[in-house]
Amino acid sequence: MAVTVQLAQALVDSPNRNVNIRLILEGGETVNSLIGEKTVAAWDWIYSEH
């Protein structure tokens, strides 16, 4: 999945706690998912400039 600059910034800015997300697939199907606190914390490291 391609990550745009805007999406990367949103991931970096996410609070370090469990986060509910909704993905909307190309066909219009939605997928709701709970992302764990450690994964959310990793986004900051992965998508920020270091």
C-alpha atoms as a PDB file:
ATOM      1  CA  MET A   1       0.000   0.000   0.000  1.00  0.00           C
ATOM      2  CA  ALA A   2       1.394   3.388  -0.961  1.00  0.00           C
ATOM      3  CA  VAL A   3       1.686   5.879   1.882  1.00  0.00           C
ATOM      4  CA  THR A   4       1.169   9.507   0.916  1.00  0.00           C
ATOM      5  CA  VAL A   5       2.871  12.346   2.750  1.00  0.00           C
ATOM      6  CA  GLN A   6      -0.500  13.245   4.295  1.00  0.00           C
ATOM      7  CA  LEU A   7      -1.133   9.682   5.515  1.00  0.00           C
ATOM      8  CA  ALA A   8       2.391   9.398   6.917  1.00  0.00           C
ATOM      9  CA  GLN A   9       1.899  12.637   8.865  1.00  0.00           C
ATOM     10  CA  ALA A  10      -1.450  11.431  10.213  1.00  0.00           C
ATOM     11  CA  LEU A  11       0.215   8.199  11.399  1.00  0.00           C
ATOM     12  CA  VAL A  12       3.046  10.133  13.080  1.00  0.00           C
ATOM     13  CA  ASP A  13       0.501  12.402  14.804  1.00  0.00           C
ATOM     14  CA  SER A  14      -1.633   9.503  16.119  1.00  0.00           C
ATOM     15  CA  PRO A  15      -1.878   9.267  19.915  1.00  0.00           C
ATOM     16  CA  ASN A  16       0.182   6.452  21.492  1.00  0.00           C
ATOM     17  CA  ARG A  17      -2.778   4.251  22.410  1.00  0.00           C
ATOM     18  CA  ASN A  18      -5.000   1.700  20.678  1.00  0.00           C
ATOM     19  CA  VAL A  19      -6.539   3.272  17.568  1.00  0.00           C
ATOM     20  CA  ASN A  20      -9.626   2.232  15.601  1.00  0.00           C
ATOM     21  CA  ILE A  21      -9.248   2.665  11.853  1.00  0.00           C
ATOM     22  CA  ARG A  22     -11.536   2.174   8.870  1.00  0.00           C
ATOM     23  CA  LEU A  23     -10.099   1.196   5.516  1.00  0.00           C
ATOM     24  CA  ILE A  24     -12.187   1.765   2.407  1.00  0.00           C
ATOM     25  CA  LEU A  25     -11.162  -0.575  -0.371  1.00  0.00           C
ATOM     26  CA  GLU A  26     -11.261   0.291  -4.062  1.00  0.00           C
ATOM     27  CA  GLY A  27     -14.499  -1.661  -4.489  1.00  0.00           C
ATOM     28  CA  GLY A  28     -16.157   0.346  -1.691  1.00  0.00           C
ATOM     29  CA  GLU A  29     -15.939  -2.400   0.941  1.00  0.00           C
ATOM     30  CA  THR A  30     -15.029  -1.141   4.420  1.00  0.00           C
ATOM     31  CA  VAL A  31     -12.790  -2.904   6.920  1.00  0.00           C
ATOM     32  CA  ASN A  32     -12.753  -1.785  10.558  1.00  0.00           C
ATOM     33  CA  SER A  33      -9.705  -2.707  12.592  1.00  0.00           C
ATOM     34  CA  LEU A  34      -8.159  -2.037  15.990  1.00  0.00           C
ATOM     35  CA  ILE A  35      -4.462  -1.152  15.835  1.00  0.00           C
ATOM     36  CA  GLY A  36      -2.476  -1.884  18.992  1.00  0.00           C
ATOM     37  CA  GLU A  37      -0.614   0.709  21.031  1.00  0.00           C
ATOM     38  CA  LYS A  38       2.851  -0.647  20.140  1.00  0.00           C
ATOM     39  CA  THR A  39       2.081  -0.531  16.416  1.00  0.00           C
ATOM     40  CA  VAL A  40       0.817   3.043  16.717  1.00  0.00           C
ATOM     41  CA  ALA A  41       4.002   4.008  18.597  1.00  0.00           C
ATOM     42  CA  ALA A  42       6.102   2.396  15.836  1.00  0.00           C
ATOM     43  CA  TRP A  43       4.425   4.579  13.182  1.00  0.00           C
ATOM     44  CA  ASP A  44       6.146   7.613  14.677  1.00  0.00           C
ATOM     45  CA  TRP A  45       9.552   5.995  14.184  1.00  0.00           C
ATOM     46  CA  ILE A  46       8.763   4.501  10.761  1.00  0.00           C
ATOM     47  CA  TYR A  47       7.194   7.562   9.129  1.00  0.00           C
ATOM     48  CA  SER A  48       9.061  10.430  10.800  1.00  0.00           C
ATOM     49  CA  GLU A  49      12.313  11.768   9.496  1.00  0.00           C
ATOM     50  CA  HIS A  50      15.202  10.481  11.584  1.00  0.00           C
END
